[in-house]
């Protein structure tokens, strides 16, 4: 072979790079693979926590927060140790990685969409934020509105909160009889009861609040006494619009609360 002539090997030895004709496809191939990776993330804190490899340059090219993490004058991590992710859920973090590497998102479901939206805001990904907002609104139905609303209140997503209220108003009796009603947070209960948009009888609102309070007592291992229910409700109790009730309804509520509200 002449000097300085490059040997041409069979294509089978050219490596994984030769399988793809476009850069986006090669980047997508690296998703959650250890090839060329220079950082690891630990997702979750339990014994079955998942370790995910990644590539600092790819992450930093998409997210200013990752750029600050990896390339600031005083990086907030050690190259020798994996980074444990506790501020967002494992599924939401993996959705962020998928978006960064592929410009695509996995099919979103009501249980995860708000977590992914929070992660997108945390990692400063405006296009993913918009996609999550659109998905949250399009997914919102009577059978999942309380799940989405609860996360929207938790993460301060007021636009999503307002989007949920017409559905809650329309299906209030069914929703408050559902098991999901018992799982909403006190802050979510407060947002619902303080809404001026609910067009339901105030007695129905009161009974829904009472059911939530009884379950809150059970969840905390205490009896559902009047005092304990009031402790669970805190100031939410005073959001009930008692003047809108009939005399008979007020008498019924007074008997339950042991408070003279007539």
Protein backbone atom coordinates (compact mmCIF):
# COMPACT_ATOMS: atom_id res chain seq x y z
CA UNK A 1 0.00 0.00 0.00
CA UNK A 2 1.39 3.42 -0.95
CA UNK A 3 2.70 5.59 1.89
CA UNK A 4 0.14 8.00 3.44
CA UNK A 5 -2.76 6.08 1.89
CA UNK A 6 -5.72 5.64 4.29
CA UNK A 7 -6.99 2.10 4.55
CA UNK A 8 -10.69 1.72 3.75
CA UNK A 9 -12.32 -0.80 6.06
CA UNK A 10 -15.68 -2.46 5.66
CA UNK A 11 -18.66 -0.42 6.76
CA UNK A 12 -19.29 -2.82 9.63
CA UNK A 13 -16.27 -1.35 11.41
CA UNK A 14 -17.24 2.29 10.99
CA UNK A 15 -19.10 2.50 14.30
CA UNK A 16 -22.52 3.60 15.40
CA UNK A 17 -22.03 7.06 13.86
CA UNK A 18 -22.20 5.64 10.34
CA UNK A 19 -25.70 4.30 10.90
CA UNK A 20 -27.20 7.80 10.79
CA UNK A 21 -27.07 10.33 8.00
CA UNK A 22 -28.17 13.37 10.04
CA UNK A 23 -26.86 14.97 13.23
CA UNK A 24 -30.29 15.00 14.99
CA UNK A 25 -30.49 11.23 14.57
CA UNK A 26 -27.02 10.75 16.04
CA UNK A 27 -27.88 12.96 19.03
CA UNK A 28 -31.13 11.09 19.57
CA UNK A 29 -29.24 7.79 19.56
CA UNK A 30 -27.17 8.97 22.53
CA UNK A 31 -30.25 9.43 24.74
CA UNK A 32 -29.72 7.53 28.01
CA UNK A 33 -26.70 5.71 26.55
CA UNK A 34 -23.27 5.71 28.13
CA UNK A 35 -21.52 6.26 24.78
CA UNK A 36 -19.40 9.42 25.17
CA UNK A 37 -21.31 10.34 28.33
CA UNK A 38 -19.61 12.55 30.90
CA UNK A 39 -22.27 12.92 33.60
CA UNK A 40 -24.70 10.62 35.41
CA UNK A 41 -28.00 11.37 37.09
CA UNK A 42 -29.61 9.31 39.83
CA UNK A 43 -33.39 9.47 39.59
CA UNK A 44 -35.22 8.72 42.81
CA UNK A 45 -33.96 8.11 46.31
CA UNK A 46 -35.14 4.54 46.91
CA UNK A 47 -33.29 1.27 46.47
CA UNK A 48 -34.60 0.97 42.91
CA UNK A 49 -33.32 4.41 41.88
CA UNK A 50 -32.33 4.64 38.23
CA UNK A 51 -28.93 5.85 37.04
CA UNK A 52 -29.10 7.68 33.70
CA UNK A 53 -26.02 8.71 31.70
CA UNK A 54 -26.01 11.99 29.78
CA UNK A 55 -23.80 14.45 27.95
CA UNK A 56 -23.10 17.85 29.47
CA UNK A 57 -22.61 19.69 26.20
CA UNK A 58 -25.92 18.47 24.77
CA UNK A 59 -27.79 19.44 27.93
CA UNK A 60 -26.11 22.83 28.18
CA UNK A 61 -26.83 23.56 24.52
CA UNK A 62 -30.55 23.33 25.28
CA UNK A 63 -30.87 24.70 28.80
CA UNK A 64 -29.31 27.72 30.47
CA UNK A 65 -29.76 26.04 33.84
CA UNK A 66 -27.68 23.07 32.71
CA UNK A 67 -25.10 25.46 31.27
CA UNK A 68 -24.79 27.19 34.64
CA UNK A 69 -24.59 23.83 36.39
CA UNK A 70 -21.80 22.44 34.23
CA UNK A 71 -19.87 25.41 32.85
CA UNK A 72 -20.07 28.21 35.38
CA UNK A 73 -16.77 29.35 36.99
CA UNK A 74 -17.70 27.37 40.10
CA UNK A 75 -19.75 24.37 38.93
CA UNK A 76 -22.24 23.16 41.51
CA UNK A 77 -21.33 19.49 41.18
CA UNK A 78 -18.41 17.08 41.21
CA UNK A 79 -17.34 15.30 38.03
CA UNK A 80 -16.59 12.21 40.05
CA UNK A 81 -20.07 11.80 41.52
CA UNK A 82 -23.50 11.27 39.95
CA UNK A 83 -26.06 14.05 40.41
CA UNK A 84 -29.10 13.00 42.42
CA UNK A 85 -32.32 14.52 41.08
CA UNK A 86 -34.86 15.20 43.84
CA UNK A 87 -36.51 18.45 42.72
CA UNK A 88 -38.51 16.88 39.87
CA UNK A 89 -40.01 13.42 39.45
CA UNK A 90 -37.99 10.73 37.65
CA UNK A 91 -40.52 10.49 34.81
CA UNK A 92 -40.54 14.27 34.35
CA UNK A 93 -36.74 14.42 34.25
CA UNK A 94 -36.62 11.67 31.63
CA UNK A 95 -39.20 13.59 29.61
CA UNK A 96 -36.90 16.63 29.75
CA UNK A 97 -33.98 14.53 28.53
CA UNK A 98 -36.06 13.05 25.72
CA UNK A 99 -37.07 16.52 24.58
CA UNK A 100 -33.50 17.85 24.70
CA UNK A 101 -32.06 14.92 22.73
CA UNK A 102 -34.88 14.40 20.23
CA UNK A 103 -37.01 17.57 20.11
CA UNK A 104 -39.90 15.24 20.83
CA UNK A 105 -41.98 14.32 23.85
CA UNK A 106 -43.42 10.99 24.89
CA UNK A 107 -47.19 10.74 24.94
CA UNK A 108 -48.25 12.68 28.01
CA UNK A 109 -50.77 11.40 30.53
CA UNK A 110 -52.69 13.38 33.19
CA UNK A 111 -50.61 11.98 36.06
CA UNK A 112 -47.35 13.22 34.54
CA UNK A 113 -48.09 16.27 32.42
CA UNK A 114 -47.99 18.79 35.26
CA UNK A 115 -44.79 17.29 36.68
CA UNK A 116 -43.21 17.61 33.23
CA UNK A 117 -44.44 21.21 32.96
CA UNK A 118 -42.78 22.02 36.27
CA UNK A 119 -39.55 20.36 35.12
CA UNK A 120 -39.66 22.29 31.85
CA UNK A 121 -39.92 25.57 33.77
CA UNK A 122 -37.15 24.51 36.13
CA UNK A 123 -34.79 23.76 33.26
CA UNK A 124 -35.88 26.84 31.29
CA UNK A 125 -37.22 25.10 28.17
CA UNK A 126 -39.86 27.46 26.71
CA UNK A 127 -41.01 25.24 23.83
CA UNK A 128 -41.50 22.28 26.15
CA UNK A 129 -43.38 24.55 28.56
CA UNK A 130 -45.80 25.50 25.79
CA UNK A 131 -46.24 21.86 24.74
CA UNK A 132 -46.99 20.81 28.33
CA UNK A 133 -49.51 23.61 28.80
CA UNK A 134 -51.31 22.62 25.60
CA UNK A 135 -51.30 18.97 26.62
CA UNK A 136 -52.57 19.69 30.12
CA UNK A 137 -55.52 21.63 28.74
CA UNK A 138 -56.32 19.11 26.01
CA UNK A 139 -56.11 16.18 28.44
CA UNK A 140 -58.32 17.81 31.07
CA UNK A 141 -61.54 15.83 31.50
CA UNK A 142 -63.99 15.16 34.30
CA UNK A 143 -62.21 11.91 35.16
CA UNK A 144 -58.82 13.58 35.70
CA UNK A 145 -59.51 17.26 36.34
CA UNK A 146 -58.87 16.98 40.09
CA UNK A 147 -55.48 15.35 39.48
CA UNK A 148 -54.47 18.10 37.06
CA UNK A 149 -55.89 20.87 39.24
CA UNK A 150 -54.11 19.60 42.34
CA UNK A 151 -50.75 19.66 40.57
CA UNK A 152 -51.52 23.03 38.96
CA UNK A 153 -52.16 24.55 42.39
CA UNK A 154 -49.01 22.90 43.79
CA UNK A 155 -46.84 24.31 41.00
CA UNK A 156 -48.54 27.72 40.79
CA UNK A 157 -49.85 27.22 37.24
CA UNK A 158 -52.74 29.67 37.45
CA UNK A 159 -53.71 29.42 33.76
CA UNK A 160 -54.23 25.68 34.14
CA UNK A 161 -56.14 26.24 37.39
CA UNK A 162 -58.58 28.58 35.66
CA UNK A 163 -58.94 26.14 32.76
CA UNK A 164 -60.06 23.44 35.21
CA UNK A 165 -62.84 25.38 36.90
CA UNK A 166 -65.54 25.17 34.18
CA UNK A 167 -65.15 21.38 34.23
CA UNK A 168 -65.35 21.31 38.02
CA UNK A 169 -68.42 23.53 37.94
CA UNK A 170 -70.17 21.31 35.40
CA UNK A 171 -69.41 18.04 37.20
CA UNK A 172 -69.17 19.16 40.83
CA UNK A 173 -71.55 16.58 42.43
CA UNK A 174 -69.85 13.67 40.66
CA UNK A 175 -66.33 14.93 41.30
CA UNK A 176 -66.84 15.50 45.02
CA UNK A 177 -68.21 11.97 45.41
CA UNK A 178 -65.13 10.51 43.73
CA UNK A 179 -62.08 9.13 45.57
CA UNK A 180 -59.87 11.75 43.88
CA UNK A 181 -61.71 14.47 45.81
CA UNK A 182 -60.28 13.09 49.04
CA UNK A 183 -56.72 13.31 47.71
CA UNK A 184 -56.64 17.01 46.85
CA UNK A 185 -54.53 19.27 49.04
CA UNK A 186 -55.85 21.87 51.45
CA UNK A 187 -54.59 24.57 49.10
CA UNK A 188 -56.56 23.04 46.23
CA UNK A 189 -59.66 22.83 48.39
CA UNK A 190 -59.16 26.49 49.28
CA UNK A 191 -58.90 27.49 45.60
CA UNK A 192 -62.10 25.63 44.76
CA UNK A 193 -64.10 27.03 47.65
CA UNK A 194 -62.88 30.58 47.06
CA UNK A 195 -63.86 30.53 43.39
CA UNK A 196 -66.69 32.85 42.38
CA UNK A 197 -67.33 30.74 39.30
CA UNK A 198 -68.94 27.73 40.97
CA UNK A 199 -72.63 27.62 40.07
CA UNK A 200 -73.69 24.93 42.53
CA UNK A 201 -75.77 24.99 45.69
CA UNK A 202 -73.75 26.10 48.67
CA UNK A 203 -75.00 23.14 50.68
CA UNK A 204 -73.35 20.86 48.13
CA UNK A 205 -70.11 22.79 48.57
CA UNK A 206 -70.41 22.47 52.33
CA UNK A 207 -71.03 18.72 52.17
CA UNK A 208 -68.04 18.28 49.86
CA UNK A 209 -65.87 20.19 52.33
CA UNK A 210 -67.21 18.07 55.20
CA UNK A 211 -66.36 14.84 53.33
CA UNK A 212 -62.83 16.07 52.64
CA UNK A 213 -62.34 17.02 56.30
CA UNK A 214 -63.50 13.62 57.56
CA UNK A 215 -61.02 11.87 55.29
CA UNK A 216 -58.25 14.28 56.33
CA UNK A 217 -58.84 13.26 59.94
CA UNK A 218 -58.71 9.59 58.99
CA UNK A 219 -55.51 10.14 57.00
CA UNK A 220 -53.90 11.75 60.05
CA UNK A 221 -55.06 9.00 62.41
CA UNK A 222 -57.43 11.13 64.47
CA UNK A 223 -61.16 10.93 65.09
CA UNK A 224 -63.41 13.02 62.87
CA UNK A 225 -64.64 15.21 65.70
CA UNK A 226 -65.91 18.73 65.09
CA UNK A 227 -62.72 20.20 66.58
CA UNK A 228 -60.43 17.96 64.53
CA UNK A 229 -62.27 18.64 61.29
CA UNK A 230 -62.02 22.37 61.91
CA UNK A 231 -58.28 21.93 62.57
CA UNK A 232 -57.89 20.09 59.24
CA UNK A 233 -59.82 22.82 57.40
CA UNK A 234 -58.16 25.79 59.11
CA UNK A 235 -59.56 29.01 57.58
CA UNK A 236 -61.10 27.16 54.62
CA UNK A 237 -64.24 26.63 56.70
CA UNK A 238 -65.00 30.34 56.52
CA UNK A 239 -65.07 30.27 52.70
CA UNK A 240 -68.50 28.65 52.78
CA UNK A 241 -71.12 31.25 51.79
CA UNK A 242 -73.61 30.54 54.55
CA UNK A 243 -75.89 33.50 53.66
CA UNK A 244 -76.74 31.71 50.40
CA UNK A 245 -78.28 28.76 52.27
CA UNK A 246 -81.90 28.30 53.27
CA UNK A 247 -82.85 28.24 56.93
CA UNK A 248 -83.24 24.46 56.84
CA UNK A 249 -79.80 24.08 55.32
CA UNK A 250 -78.24 26.36 57.92
CA UNK A 251 -79.84 24.36 60.74
CA UNK A 252 -78.36 21.17 59.28
CA UNK A 253 -74.90 22.74 59.04
CA UNK A 254 -75.10 24.14 62.57
CA UNK A 255 -75.87 20.66 63.91
CA UNK A 256 -72.80 19.23 62.16
CA UNK A 257 -70.38 22.00 63.14
CA UNK A 258 -71.71 22.75 66.63
CA UNK A 259 -71.37 26.40 65.63
CA UNK A 260 -74.21 28.89 65.58
CA UNK A 261 -74.22 30.04 61.96
CA UNK A 262 -77.86 31.01 61.70
